[in-house]
């Protein structure tokens, strides 16, 4: 349950940036594969939905993996460091004095499944960050994509196994299924291009329960403050339009369906009781933010597109309500928008 959003997803996402700062002058490379990538390479090979992806330094991935040893060692060291850091952090925050025999414990109904969306997103985000780091390390696009997905799944399952030794939680099979689904979806997007038009994004606005918790010893953090989170499945509408209509539609404007949970009982707690479903707008930041001559800035904007930023939204359940910029609330007169 507590692995809904990886505790160091941001750290993993920034591994490629650290790799870029490593000693790029050292050109020690090692051939590790004679297998070539799919035929379409160059800019066509980096095509993603309605735009062309970029790497951290703006270069194209090699057609065959040629490991840049110093950068590869840096990538593996940071990945291992992130896992060690997670273990030490959660050992103090969740697992300290709470260890027992490994066991399974299903938590499907506890948080109205919003944590499953988080597991999916977490596995996807770490897969993306790992892929970008491996590209900087000299991996081909195909190899980086496959190993990135494997690293994202391995990281999430590691946390789930640790939960299995907790007396308060346990290894949740549906959490593991969501982890597998997130990493698998990331992997499949490269080989089933239509999937690139559908993207899960995450947004967060602190709930009143941040820093509190109903489970002894637990304190809600940004990662499991579920009533402050919402998950959005976005659609790249422009890419589906007939050619005759594309000129009149902004490429950066997307449609999104959102899901969130709240506790609206008379005695609210940090355990949600109500599902909220939204339909709203989303931004494709790659099209919205002007390109620069700095590859890192372009890559950073591309990476930020994994997150949903405040946008107009209509809440459909449990009641209809319009938000000007969800999740922000604006109080106008006696109404909240």
C-alpha atoms as a PDB file:
ATOM      1  CA  UNK A   1       0.000   0.000   0.000  1.00  0.00           C
ATOM      2  CA  UNK A   2       2.701   2.502   0.899  1.00  0.00           C
ATOM      3  CA  UNK A   3       4.441   2.142  -2.434  1.00  0.00           C
ATOM      4  CA  UNK A   4       1.684   3.952  -4.303  1.00  0.00           C
ATOM      5  CA  UNK A   5       4.059   6.631  -5.577  1.00  0.00           C
ATOM      6  CA  UNK A   6       7.781   5.813  -5.357  1.00  0.00           C
ATOM      7  CA  UNK A   7       9.492   7.600  -2.526  1.00  0.00           C
ATOM      8  CA  UNK A   8      12.401   8.680  -4.703  1.00  0.00           C
ATOM      9  CA  UNK A   9      10.746   8.872  -8.114  1.00  0.00           C
ATOM     10  CA  UNK A  10      12.063  12.407  -8.487  1.00  0.00           C
ATOM     11  CA  UNK A  11      15.553  11.240  -7.631  1.00  0.00           C
ATOM     12  CA  UNK A  12      15.375   8.506 -10.257  1.00  0.00           C
ATOM     13  CA  UNK A  13      14.021  11.019 -12.773  1.00  0.00           C
ATOM     14  CA  UNK A  14      17.049  13.231 -12.148  1.00  0.00           C
ATOM     15  CA  UNK A  15      19.607  10.445 -12.577  1.00  0.00           C
ATOM     16  CA  UNK A  16      20.002  11.331 -16.272  1.00  0.00           C
ATOM     17  CA  UNK A  17      20.775  14.932 -15.347  1.00  0.00           C
ATOM     18  CA  UNK A  18      23.530  13.828 -12.989  1.00  0.00           C
ATOM     19  CA  UNK A  19      24.893  11.542 -15.693  1.00  0.00           C
ATOM     20  CA  UNK A  20      25.122  14.514 -18.048  1.00  0.00           C
ATOM     21  CA  UNK A  21      27.319  16.309 -15.541  1.00  0.00           C
ATOM     22  CA  UNK A  22      29.672  13.326 -15.296  1.00  0.00           C
ATOM     23  CA  UNK A  23      32.967  13.298 -17.128  1.00  0.00           C
ATOM     24  CA  UNK A  24      31.675  13.342 -20.728  1.00  0.00           C
ATOM     25  CA  UNK A  25      35.205  13.811 -22.027  1.00  0.00           C
ATOM     26  CA  UNK A  26      36.023  10.218 -21.161  1.00  0.00           C
ATOM     27  CA  UNK A  27      35.109   8.281 -24.300  1.00  0.00           C
ATOM     28  CA  UNK A  28      35.726   4.794 -22.983  1.00  0.00           C
ATOM     29  CA  UNK A  29      33.053   2.696 -24.692  1.00  0.00           C
ATOM     30  CA  UNK A  30      32.383  -0.991 -24.780  1.00  0.00           C
ATOM     31  CA  UNK A  31      30.378  -2.895 -27.394  1.00  0.00           C
ATOM     32  CA  UNK A  32      27.801  -5.019 -25.586  1.00  0.00           C
ATOM     33  CA  UNK A  33      25.467  -6.017 -28.395  1.00  0.00           C
ATOM     34  CA  UNK A  34      25.623  -6.887 -32.053  1.00  0.00           C
ATOM     35  CA  UNK A  35      21.858  -6.722 -32.299  1.00  0.00           C
ATOM     36  CA  UNK A  36      20.589  -3.703 -34.178  1.00  0.00           C
ATOM     37  CA  UNK A  37      17.526  -1.656 -33.343  1.00  0.00           C
ATOM     38  CA  UNK A  38      14.413  -1.553 -35.521  1.00  0.00           C
ATOM     39  CA  UNK A  39      15.125  -0.011 -38.943  1.00  0.00           C
ATOM     40  CA  UNK A  40      13.549   3.400 -38.283  1.00  0.00           C
ATOM     41  CA  UNK A  41      16.239   5.360 -36.491  1.00  0.00           C
ATOM     42  CA  UNK A  42      17.309   8.975 -36.296  1.00  0.00           C
ATOM     43  CA  UNK A  43      14.572  11.499 -35.652  1.00  0.00           C
ATOM     44  CA  UNK A  44      11.925   9.043 -36.860  1.00  0.00           C
ATOM     45  CA  UNK A  45      13.055   6.598 -34.194  1.00  0.00           C
ATOM     46  CA  UNK A  46      12.459   9.258 -31.499  1.00  0.00           C
ATOM     47  CA  UNK A  47       8.962  10.063 -32.730  1.00  0.00           C
ATOM     48  CA  UNK A  48       6.401   9.902 -29.921  1.00  0.00           C
ATOM     49  CA  UNK A  49       2.704  10.543 -30.598  1.00  0.00           C
ATOM     50  CA  UNK A  50       2.564  14.066 -32.090  1.00  0.00           C
ATOM     51  CA  UNK A  51       6.119  15.173 -31.275  1.00  0.00           C
ATOM     52  CA  UNK A  52       9.748  14.122 -31.426  1.00  0.00           C
ATOM     53  CA  UNK A  53      11.397  13.226 -28.136  1.00  0.00           C
ATOM     54  CA  UNK A  54      14.764  14.584 -27.142  1.00  0.00           C
ATOM     55  CA  UNK A  55      17.593  13.263 -25.023  1.00  0.00           C
ATOM     56  CA  UNK A  56      19.292  15.134 -22.225  1.00  0.00           C
ATOM     57  CA  UNK A  57      22.184  16.364 -24.364  1.00  0.00           C
ATOM     58  CA  UNK A  58      20.212  16.591 -27.608  1.00  0.00           C
ATOM     59  CA  UNK A  59      22.072  13.743 -29.333  1.00  0.00           C
ATOM     60  CA  UNK A  60      20.446  10.749 -31.025  1.00  0.00           C
ATOM     61  CA  UNK A  61      20.735   7.294 -29.439  1.00  0.00           C
ATOM     62  CA  UNK A  62      23.207   4.964 -31.144  1.00  0.00           C
ATOM     63  CA  UNK A  63      21.760   2.207 -33.364  1.00  0.00           C
ATOM     64  CA  UNK A  64      23.711  -0.362 -31.310  1.00  0.00           C
ATOM     65  CA  UNK A  65      24.435  -0.183 -27.591  1.00  0.00           C
ATOM     66  CA  UNK A  66      27.935   1.109 -26.899  1.00  0.00           C
ATOM     67  CA  UNK A  67      28.279   1.627 -23.175  1.00  0.00           C
ATOM     68  CA  UNK A  68      29.961   4.793 -21.943  1.00  0.00           C
ATOM     69  CA  UNK A  69      31.539   3.146 -18.950  1.00  0.00           C
ATOM     70  CA  UNK A  70      31.879   6.162 -16.575  1.00  0.00           C
ATOM     71  CA  UNK A  71      28.288   7.256 -17.220  1.00  0.00           C
ATOM     72  CA  UNK A  72      26.967   3.711 -16.935  1.00  0.00           C
ATOM     73  CA  UNK A  73      28.718   3.240 -13.590  1.00  0.00           C
ATOM     74  CA  UNK A  74      27.251   6.563 -12.454  1.00  0.00           C
ATOM     75  CA  UNK A  75      23.762   5.441 -13.487  1.00  0.00           C
ATOM     76  CA  UNK A  76      24.016   2.126 -11.631  1.00  0.00           C
ATOM     77  CA  UNK A  77      25.500   3.828  -8.559  1.00  0.00           C
ATOM     78  CA  UNK A  78      22.716   6.391  -8.386  1.00  0.00           C
ATOM     79  CA  UNK A  79      20.055   3.733  -8.928  1.00  0.00           C
ATOM     80  CA  UNK A  80      21.530   1.615  -6.133  1.00  0.00           C
ATOM     81  CA  UNK A  81      21.864   4.710  -3.952  1.00  0.00           C
ATOM     82  CA  UNK A  82      18.218   5.561  -4.511  1.00  0.00           C
ATOM     83  CA  UNK A  83      17.193   2.085  -3.348  1.00  0.00           C
ATOM     84  CA  UNK A  84      19.436   2.271  -0.270  1.00  0.00           C
ATOM     85  CA  UNK A  85      18.129   5.754   0.508  1.00  0.00           C
ATOM     86  CA  UNK A  86      14.555   4.535   0.196  1.00  0.00           C
ATOM     87  CA  UNK A  87      15.213   1.624   2.500  1.00  0.00           C
ATOM     88  CA  UNK A  88      16.788   3.812   5.189  1.00  0.00           C
ATOM     89  CA  UNK A  89      14.010   6.414   4.915  1.00  0.00           C
ATOM     90  CA  UNK A  90      11.123   3.977   5.037  1.00  0.00           C
ATOM     91  CA  UNK A  91      12.817   1.855   7.669  1.00  0.00           C
ATOM     92  CA  UNK A  92      12.543   4.887   9.943  1.00  0.00           C
ATOM     93  CA  UNK A  93       9.181   6.225   8.719  1.00  0.00           C
ATOM     94  CA  UNK A  94       7.174   3.008   8.243  1.00  0.00           C
ATOM     95  CA  UNK A  95       9.040  -0.203   8.950  1.00  0.00           C
ATOM     96  CA  UNK A  96      10.861   0.601  12.212  1.00  0.00           C
ATOM     97  CA  UNK A  97       9.632  -1.609  15.087  1.00  0.00           C
ATOM     98  CA  UNK A  98       7.076  -3.023  12.673  1.00  0.00           C
ATOM     99  CA  UNK A  99       8.721  -6.154  11.279  1.00  0.00           C
ATOM    100  CA  UNK A 100       7.326  -9.628  11.155  1.00  0.00           C
ATOM    101  CA  UNK A 101       7.212 -12.722   8.951  1.00  0.00           C
ATOM    102  CA  UNK A 102       6.628 -12.127   5.263  1.00  0.00           C
ATOM    103  CA  UNK A 103       2.930 -12.344   4.444  1.00  0.00           C
ATOM    104  CA  UNK A 104       0.334 -11.381   1.849  1.00  0.00           C
ATOM    105  CA  UNK A 105      -2.390  -8.873   2.662  1.00  0.00           C
ATOM    106  CA  UNK A 106      -4.815  -7.597   0.050  1.00  0.00           C
ATOM    107  CA  UNK A 107      -5.704  -3.901   0.377  1.00  0.00           C
ATOM    108  CA  UNK A 108      -7.929  -3.450  -2.685  1.00  0.00           C
ATOM    109  CA  UNK A 109     -10.836  -1.640  -0.922  1.00  0.00           C
ATOM    110  CA  UNK A 110      -8.853   0.411   1.603  1.00  0.00           C
ATOM    111  CA  UNK A 111      -8.193   3.576  -0.416  1.00  0.00           C
ATOM    112  CA  UNK A 112     -10.843   3.094  -3.111  1.00  0.00           C
ATOM    113  CA  UNK A 113      -8.141   1.988  -5.577  1.00  0.00           C
ATOM    114  CA  UNK A 114      -6.497   5.406  -5.924  1.00  0.00           C
ATOM    115  CA  UNK A 115      -3.281   3.785  -4.686  1.00  0.00           C
ATOM    116  CA  UNK A 116      -3.404   1.389  -7.664  1.00  0.00           C
ATOM    117  CA  UNK A 117      -3.311   4.361 -10.011  1.00  0.00           C
ATOM    118  CA  UNK A 118      -0.290   5.494  -8.006  1.00  0.00           C
ATOM    119  CA  UNK A 119       1.481   2.171  -8.366  1.00  0.00           C
ATOM    120  CA  UNK A 120       0.899   2.262 -12.113  1.00  0.00           C
ATOM    121  CA  UNK A 121       2.189   5.831 -12.358  1.00  0.00           C
ATOM    122  CA  UNK A 122       5.170   5.136 -10.110  1.00  0.00           C
ATOM    123  CA  UNK A 123       6.347   2.164 -12.171  1.00  0.00           C
ATOM    124  CA  UNK A 124       5.886   4.170 -15.362  1.00  0.00           C
ATOM    125  CA  UNK A 125       7.753   7.225 -14.083  1.00  0.00           C
ATOM    126  CA  UNK A 126      10.748   5.244 -12.810  1.00  0.00           C
ATOM    127  CA  UNK A 127      10.837   3.315 -16.098  1.00  0.00           C
ATOM    128  CA  UNK A 128      10.990   6.631 -17.945  1.00  0.00           C
ATOM    129  CA  UNK A 129      13.735   8.055 -15.714  1.00  0.00           C
ATOM    130  CA  UNK A 130      15.765   4.855 -15.967  1.00  0.00           C
ATOM    131  CA  UNK A 131      15.442   4.827 -19.749  1.00  0.00           C
ATOM    132  CA  UNK A 132      16.688   8.401 -20.022  1.00  0.00           C
ATOM    133  CA  UNK A 133      19.695   7.604 -17.817  1.00  0.00           C
ATOM    134  CA  UNK A 134      20.552   4.538 -19.876  1.00  0.00           C
ATOM    135  CA  UNK A 135      20.379   6.578 -23.096  1.00  0.00           C
ATOM    136  CA  UNK A 136      23.002   8.891 -21.607  1.00  0.00           C
ATOM    137  CA  UNK A 137      25.062   5.809 -20.780  1.00  0.00           C
ATOM    138  CA  UNK A 138      25.290   4.754 -24.430  1.00  0.00           C
ATOM    139  CA  UNK A 139      22.359   2.341 -24.715  1.00  0.00           C
ATOM    140  CA  UNK A 140      20.402   2.117 -27.943  1.00  0.00           C
ATOM    141  CA  UNK A 141      16.809   3.339 -27.836  1.00  0.00           C
ATOM    142  CA  UNK A 142      15.407  -0.199 -27.819  1.00  0.00           C
ATOM    143  CA  UNK A 143      17.763  -1.512 -25.142  1.00  0.00           C
ATOM    144  CA  UNK A 144      17.294   1.565 -22.947  1.00  0.00           C
ATOM    145  CA  UNK A 145      13.522   1.242 -23.227  1.00  0.00           C
ATOM    146  CA  UNK A 146      13.487  -2.450 -22.300  1.00  0.00           C
ATOM    147  CA  UNK A 147      15.936  -2.160 -19.412  1.00  0.00           C
ATOM    148  CA  UNK A 148      14.229   1.023 -18.207  1.00  0.00           C
ATOM    149  CA  UNK A 149      10.930  -0.847 -17.901  1.00  0.00           C
ATOM    150  CA  UNK A 150      12.678  -3.688 -16.065  1.00  0.00           C
ATOM    151  CA  UNK A 151      14.292  -1.252 -13.610  1.00  0.00           C
ATOM    152  CA  UNK A 152      10.978   0.496 -12.964  1.00  0.00           C
ATOM    153  CA  UNK A 153       9.258  -2.779 -12.178  1.00  0.00           C
ATOM    154  CA  UNK A 154      12.145  -4.092 -10.055  1.00  0.00           C
ATOM    155  CA  UNK A 155      12.159  -0.950  -7.928  1.00  0.00           C
ATOM    156  CA  UNK A 156       8.431  -1.040  -7.252  1.00  0.00           C
ATOM    157  CA  UNK A 157       8.397  -4.753  -6.451  1.00  0.00           C
ATOM    158  CA  UNK A 158      11.297  -4.255  -4.039  1.00  0.00           C
ATOM    159  CA  UNK A 159       9.177  -1.821  -2.017  1.00  0.00           C
ATOM    160  CA  UNK A 160       6.213  -4.191  -2.144  1.00  0.00           C
ATOM    161  CA  UNK A 161       8.354  -7.035  -0.789  1.00  0.00           C
ATOM    162  CA  UNK A 162       9.456  -4.793   2.064  1.00  0.00           C
ATOM    163  CA  UNK A 163       5.786  -4.091   2.788  1.00  0.00           C
ATOM    164  CA  UNK A 164       5.357  -7.858   3.038  1.00  0.00           C
ATOM    165  CA  UNK A 165       7.455  -7.855   6.213  1.00  0.00           C
ATOM    166  CA  UNK A 166       5.350  -5.111   7.822  1.00  0.00           C
ATOM    167  CA  UNK A 167       2.809  -6.161  10.436  1.00  0.00           C
ATOM    168  CA  UNK A 168       0.611  -3.186   9.508  1.00  0.00           C
ATOM    169  CA  UNK A 169       0.517  -3.863   5.769  1.00  0.00           C
ATOM    170  CA  UNK A 170       1.755  -6.853   3.777  1.00  0.00           C
ATOM    171  CA  UNK A 171       2.545  -7.772   0.196  1.00  0.00           C
ATOM    172  CA  UNK A 172      -0.540  -6.727  -1.755  1.00  0.00           C
ATOM    173  CA  UNK A 173      -1.060  -8.729  -4.975  1.00  0.00           C
ATOM    174  CA  UNK A 174      -3.109  -5.974  -6.611  1.00  0.00           C
ATOM    175  CA  UNK A 175      -0.357  -3.443  -5.846  1.00  0.00           C
ATOM    176  CA  UNK A 176       2.095  -5.745  -7.616  1.00  0.00           C
ATOM    177  CA  UNK A 177      -0.294  -6.146 -10.560  1.00  0.00           C
ATOM    178  CA  UNK A 178      -0.506  -2.354 -10.872  1.00  0.00           C
ATOM    179  CA  UNK A 179       3.316  -2.119 -10.749  1.00  0.00           C
ATOM    180  CA  UNK A 180       3.536  -4.690 -13.533  1.00  0.00           C
ATOM    181  CA  UNK A 181       0.879  -2.887 -15.562  1.00  0.00           C
ATOM    182  CA  UNK A 182       2.693   0.467 -15.324  1.00  0.00           C
ATOM    183  CA  UNK A 183       6.060  -0.904 -16.429  1.00  0.00           C
ATOM    184  CA  UNK A 184       4.429  -3.051 -19.132  1.00  0.00           C
ATOM    185  CA  UNK A 185       2.477  -0.102 -20.509  1.00  0.00           C
ATOM    186  CA  UNK A 186       5.672   1.941 -20.721  1.00  0.00           C
ATOM    187  CA  UNK A 187       7.375  -0.899 -22.586  1.00  0.00           C
ATOM    188  CA  UNK A 188       4.427  -1.466 -24.943  1.00  0.00           C
ATOM    189  CA  UNK A 189       4.171   2.174 -25.983  1.00  0.00           C
ATOM    190  CA  UNK A 190       7.327   1.895 -28.077  1.00  0.00           C
ATOM    191  CA  UNK A 191       6.002  -1.048 -30.073  1.00  0.00           C
ATOM    192  CA  UNK A 192       2.303  -0.114 -30.234  1.00  0.00           C
ATOM    193  CA  UNK A 193       2.481   3.566 -31.277  1.00  0.00           C
ATOM    194  CA  UNK A 194      -1.224   4.296 -30.759  1.00  0.00           C
ATOM    195  CA  UNK A 195      -0.653   3.862 -26.992  1.00  0.00           C
ATOM    196  CA  UNK A 196       1.657   6.880 -27.051  1.00  0.00           C
ATOM    197  CA  UNK A 197      -1.431   9.080 -27.370  1.00  0.00           C
ATOM    198  CA  UNK A 198      -2.732   7.984 -23.954  1.00  0.00           C
ATOM    199  CA  UNK A 199      -0.785   9.012 -20.871  1.00  0.00           C
ATOM    200  CA  UNK A 200      -1.443   8.794 -17.133  1.00  0.00           C
ATOM    201  CA  UNK A 201      -0.434  11.942 -15.255  1.00  0.00           C
ATOM    202  CA  UNK A 202      -0.352  12.871 -11.579  1.00  0.00           C
ATOM    203  CA  UNK A 203      -1.272  16.030  -9.730  1.00  0.00           C
ATOM    204  CA  UNK A 204      -1.103  16.886  -6.038  1.00  0.00           C
ATOM    205  CA  UNK A 205      -2.501  19.498  -3.681  1.00  0.00           C
ATOM    206  CA  UNK A 206      -1.973  18.860   0.079  1.00  0.00           C
ATOM    207  CA  UNK A 207      -4.996  17.558   1.952  1.00  0.00           C
ATOM    208  CA  UNK A 208      -5.745  18.390   5.613  1.00  0.00           C
ATOM    209  CA  UNK A 209      -4.366  14.951   6.533  1.00  0.00           C
ATOM    210  CA  UNK A 210      -0.817  15.554   5.359  1.00  0.00           C
ATOM    211  CA  UNK A 211       1.456  14.743   8.310  1.00  0.00           C
ATOM    212  CA  UNK A 212      -1.243  12.805  10.175  1.00  0.00           C
ATOM    213  CA  UNK A 213      -2.316   9.179  10.065  1.00  0.00           C
ATOM    214  CA  UNK A 214      -4.877   6.767  11.491  1.00  0.00           C
ATOM    215  CA  UNK A 215      -2.410   3.851  11.593  1.00  0.00           C
ATOM    216  CA  UNK A 216      -0.134   3.941  14.681  1.00  0.00           C
ATOM    217  CA  UNK A 217       3.333   5.113  13.716  1.00  0.00           C
ATOM    218  CA  UNK A 218       2.283   6.233  10.242  1.00  0.00           C
ATOM    219  CA  UNK A 219       2.322   9.814   9.013  1.00  0.00           C
ATOM    220  CA  UNK A 220       0.867  10.684   5.644  1.00  0.00           C
ATOM    221  CA  UNK A 221       3.432  12.093   3.237  1.00  0.00           C
ATOM    222  CA  UNK A 222       2.986  13.579  -0.229  1.00  0.00           C
ATOM    223  CA  UNK A 223       3.353  10.027  -1.561  1.00  0.00           C
ATOM    224  CA  UNK A 224       0.457   8.466   0.340  1.00  0.00           C
ATOM    225  CA  UNK A 225      -1.649  11.537   1.083  1.00  0.00           C
ATOM    226  CA  UNK A 226      -4.266  10.027  -1.200  1.00  0.00           C
ATOM    227  CA  UNK A 227      -6.905  12.687  -0.644  1.00  0.00           C
ATOM    228  CA  UNK A 228      -4.496  15.249  -2.043  1.00  0.00           C
ATOM    229  CA  UNK A 229      -3.716  13.243  -5.183  1.00  0.00           C
ATOM    230  CA  UNK A 230      -5.533  12.880  -8.472  1.00  0.00           C
ATOM    231  CA  UNK A 231      -4.673  10.804 -11.515  1.00  0.00           C
ATOM    232  CA  UNK A 232      -5.498  11.770 -15.073  1.00  0.00           C
ATOM    233  CA  UNK A 233      -5.604   9.770 -18.281  1.00  0.00           C
ATOM    234  CA  UNK A 234      -4.905  12.229 -21.073  1.00  0.00           C
ATOM    235  CA  UNK A 235      -5.513  11.931 -24.813  1.00  0.00           C
ATOM    236  CA  UNK A 236      -3.472  13.633 -27.543  1.00  0.00           C
ATOM    237  CA  UNK A 237      -6.535  14.774 -29.494  1.00  0.00           C
ATOM    238  CA  UNK A 238      -4.588  16.577 -32.223  1.00  0.00           C
ATOM    239  CA  UNK A 239      -2.965  13.347 -33.294  1.00  0.00           C
ATOM    240  CA  UNK A 240      -6.380  11.749 -33.925  1.00  0.00           C
ATOM    241  CA  UNK A 241      -7.835  14.589 -36.000  1.00  0.00           C
ATOM    242  CA  UNK A 242      -8.180  14.272 -39.775  1.00  0.00           C
ATOM    243  CA  UNK A 243      -5.504  16.240 -41.613  1.00  0.00           C
ATOM    244  CA  UNK A 244      -8.008  18.841 -42.732  1.00  0.00           C
ATOM    245  CA  UNK A 245      -8.814  19.793 -39.119  1.00  0.00           C
ATOM    246  CA  UNK A 246      -5.358  19.799 -37.564  1.00  0.00           C
ATOM    247  CA  UNK A 247      -4.444  23.326 -38.623  1.00  0.00           C
ATOM    248  CA  UNK A 248      -7.312  24.783 -36.633  1.00  0.00           C
ATOM    249  CA  UNK A 249      -6.704  22.894 -33.390  1.00  0.00           C
ATOM    250  CA  UNK A 250      -3.950  23.758 -30.864  1.00  0.00           C
ATOM    251  CA  UNK A 251      -1.505  20.858 -30.607  1.00  0.00           C
ATOM    252  CA  UNK A 252      -0.937  21.547 -26.904  1.00  0.00           C
ATOM    253  CA  UNK A 253      -4.589  21.126 -25.838  1.00  0.00           C
ATOM    254  CA  UNK A 254      -5.543  17.646 -24.630  1.00  0.00           C
ATOM    255  CA  UNK A 255      -8.555  15.985 -23.051  1.00  0.00           C
ATOM    256  CA  UNK A 256      -8.274  14.246 -19.678  1.00  0.00           C
ATOM    257  CA  UNK A 257     -10.354  12.006 -17.429  1.00  0.00           C
ATOM    258  CA  UNK A 258      -9.442  12.273 -13.748  1.00  0.00           C
ATOM    259  CA  UNK A 259      -9.928  10.204 -10.600  1.00  0.00           C
ATOM    260  CA  UNK A 260      -9.596  11.266  -6.969  1.00  0.00           C
ATOM    261  CA  UNK A 261     -10.927  10.226  -3.548  1.00  0.00           C
ATOM    262  CA  UNK A 262     -12.150  12.102  -0.498  1.00  0.00           C
ATOM    263  CA  UNK A 263     -13.618  11.447   2.925  1.00  0.00           C
ATOM    264  CA  UNK A 264     -16.849  13.457   3.114  1.00  0.00           C
ATOM    265  CA  UNK A 265     -18.303  11.775   6.197  1.00  0.00           C
ATOM    266  CA  UNK A 266     -19.421  13.753   9.235  1.00  0.00           C
ATOM    267  CA  UNK A 267     -16.290  12.660  11.080  1.00  0.00           C
ATOM    268  CA  UNK A 268     -13.690  12.731   8.275  1.00  0.00           C
ATOM    269  CA  UNK A 269     -10.405  10.873   8.580  1.00  0.00           C
ATOM    270  CA  UNK A 270      -7.462  10.136   6.302  1.00  0.00           C
ATOM    271  CA  UNK A 271      -9.292   7.028   4.993  1.00  0.00           C
ATOM    272  CA  UNK A 272     -11.299   8.015   1.881  1.00  0.00           C
ATOM    273  CA  UNK A 273     -14.970   7.140   1.498  1.00  0.00           C
ATOM    274  CA  UNK A 274     -16.020   8.805  -1.777  1.00  0.00           C
ATOM    275  CA  UNK A 275     -14.817   8.543  -5.371  1.00  0.00           C
ATOM    276  CA  UNK A 276     -14.594  11.631  -7.568  1.00  0.00           C
ATOM    277  CA  UNK A 277     -14.516  11.461 -11.373  1.00  0.00           C
ATOM    278  CA  UNK A 278     -13.634  14.417 -13.594  1.00  0.00           C
ATOM    279  CA  UNK A 279     -13.402  15.341 -17.234  1.00  0.00           C
ATOM    280  CA  UNK A 280     -11.136  18.236 -18.024  1.00  0.00           C
ATOM    281  CA  UNK A 281      -8.401  19.746 -20.113  1.00  0.00           C
ATOM    282  CA  UNK A 282      -4.694  18.998 -20.071  1.00  0.00           C
ATOM    283  CA  UNK A 283      -1.603  20.575 -21.597  1.00  0.00           C
ATOM    284  CA  UNK A 284       0.997  18.927 -23.780  1.00  0.00           C
ATOM    285  CA  UNK A 285       3.963  20.887 -22.462  1.00  0.00           C
ATOM    286  CA  UNK A 286       6.211  19.848 -25.352  1.00  0.00           C
ATOM    287  CA  UNK A 287       3.944  21.806 -27.713  1.00  0.00           C
ATOM    288  CA  UNK A 288       2.968  24.543 -25.250  1.00  0.00           C
ATOM    289  CA  UNK A 289       6.445  25.624 -24.087  1.00  0.00           C
ATOM    290  CA  UNK A 290       8.625  27.120 -26.850  1.00  0.00           C
ATOM    291  CA  UNK A 291      11.710  25.126 -27.815  1.00  0.00           C
ATOM    292  CA  UNK A 292      15.081  26.505 -26.721  1.00  0.00           C
ATOM    293  CA  UNK A 293      18.668  26.017 -27.874  1.00  0.00           C
ATOM    294  CA  UNK A 294      19.404  24.246 -24.586  1.00  0.00           C
ATOM    295  CA  UNK A 295      18.801  20.476 -24.888  1.00  0.00           C
ATOM    296  CA  UNK A 296      18.531  20.053 -21.117  1.00  0.00           C
ATOM    297  CA  UNK A 297      15.684  22.604 -20.922  1.00  0.00           C
ATOM    298  CA  UNK A 298      13.804  20.841 -23.725  1.00  0.00           C
ATOM    299  CA  UNK A 299      14.323  17.480 -22.012  1.00  0.00           C
ATOM    300  CA  UNK A 300      13.175  18.903 -18.672  1.00  0.00           C
ATOM    301  CA  UNK A 301       9.946  20.216 -20.237  1.00  0.00           C
ATOM    302  CA  UNK A 302       9.415  16.818 -21.868  1.00  0.00           C
ATOM    303  CA  UNK A 303       9.846  15.141 -18.467  1.00  0.00           C
ATOM    304  CA  UNK A 304       7.463  17.560 -16.736  1.00  0.00           C
ATOM    305  CA  UNK A 305       4.786  16.407 -19.163  1.00  0.00           C
ATOM    306  CA  UNK A 306       4.397  13.349 -16.925  1.00  0.00           C
ATOM    307  CA  UNK A 307       2.499  15.615 -14.516  1.00  0.00           C
ATOM    308  CA  UNK A 308      -0.927  17.221 -14.791  1.00  0.00           C
ATOM    309  CA  UNK A 309      -0.945  20.949 -14.081  1.00  0.00           C
ATOM    310  CA  UNK A 310      -3.962  22.996 -12.919  1.00  0.00           C
ATOM    311  CA  UNK A 311      -6.563  23.144 -15.677  1.00  0.00           C
ATOM    312  CA  UNK A 312     -10.333  23.580 -16.115  1.00  0.00           C
ATOM    313  CA  UNK A 313     -12.260  20.476 -15.052  1.00  0.00           C
ATOM    314  CA  UNK A 314     -15.846  19.356 -14.548  1.00  0.00           C
ATOM    315  CA  UNK A 315     -16.481  17.032 -11.613  1.00  0.00           C
ATOM    316  CA  UNK A 316     -19.035  14.407 -12.618  1.00  0.00           C
ATOM    317  CA  UNK A 317     -19.417  12.417  -9.401  1.00  0.00           C
ATOM    318  CA  UNK A 318     -20.581  12.419  -6.659  1.00  0.00           C
ATOM    319  CA  UNK A 319     -21.925  15.843  -7.672  1.00  0.00           C
ATOM    320  CA  UNK A 320     -21.433  18.093 -10.664  1.00  0.00           C
ATOM    321  CA  UNK A 321     -19.081  20.977 -10.020  1.00  0.00           C
ATOM    322  CA  UNK A 322     -16.925  23.137 -12.282  1.00  0.00           C
ATOM    323  CA  UNK A 323     -13.353  24.033 -11.331  1.00  0.00           C
ATOM    324  CA  UNK A 324     -11.554  26.888 -13.041  1.00  0.00           C
ATOM    325  CA  UNK A 325      -8.108  25.407 -12.383  1.00  0.00           C
ATOM    326  CA  UNK A 326      -8.400  22.062 -10.596  1.00  0.00           C
ATOM    327  CA  UNK A 327      -7.120  21.248  -7.951  1.00  0.00           C
ATOM    328  CA  UNK A 328      -7.069  24.924  -6.945  1.00  0.00           C
ATOM    329  CA  UNK A 329     -10.243  26.265  -5.323  1.00  0.00           C
ATOM    330  CA  UNK A 330     -11.545  29.762  -5.969  1.00  0.00           C
ATOM    331  CA  UNK A 331     -14.257  31.111  -3.664  1.00  0.00           C
ATOM    332  CA  UNK A 332     -16.513  33.541  -5.520  1.00  0.00           C
ATOM    333  CA  UNK A 333     -19.540  34.713  -3.620  1.00  0.00           C
ATOM    334  CA  UNK A 334     -21.041  31.652  -2.008  1.00  0.00           C
ATOM    335  CA  UNK A 335     -19.686  29.231  -4.566  1.00  0.00           C
ATOM    336  CA  UNK A 336     -16.419  27.366  -4.974  1.00  0.00           C
ATOM    337  CA  UNK A 337     -14.930  26.879  -8.419  1.00  0.00           C
END
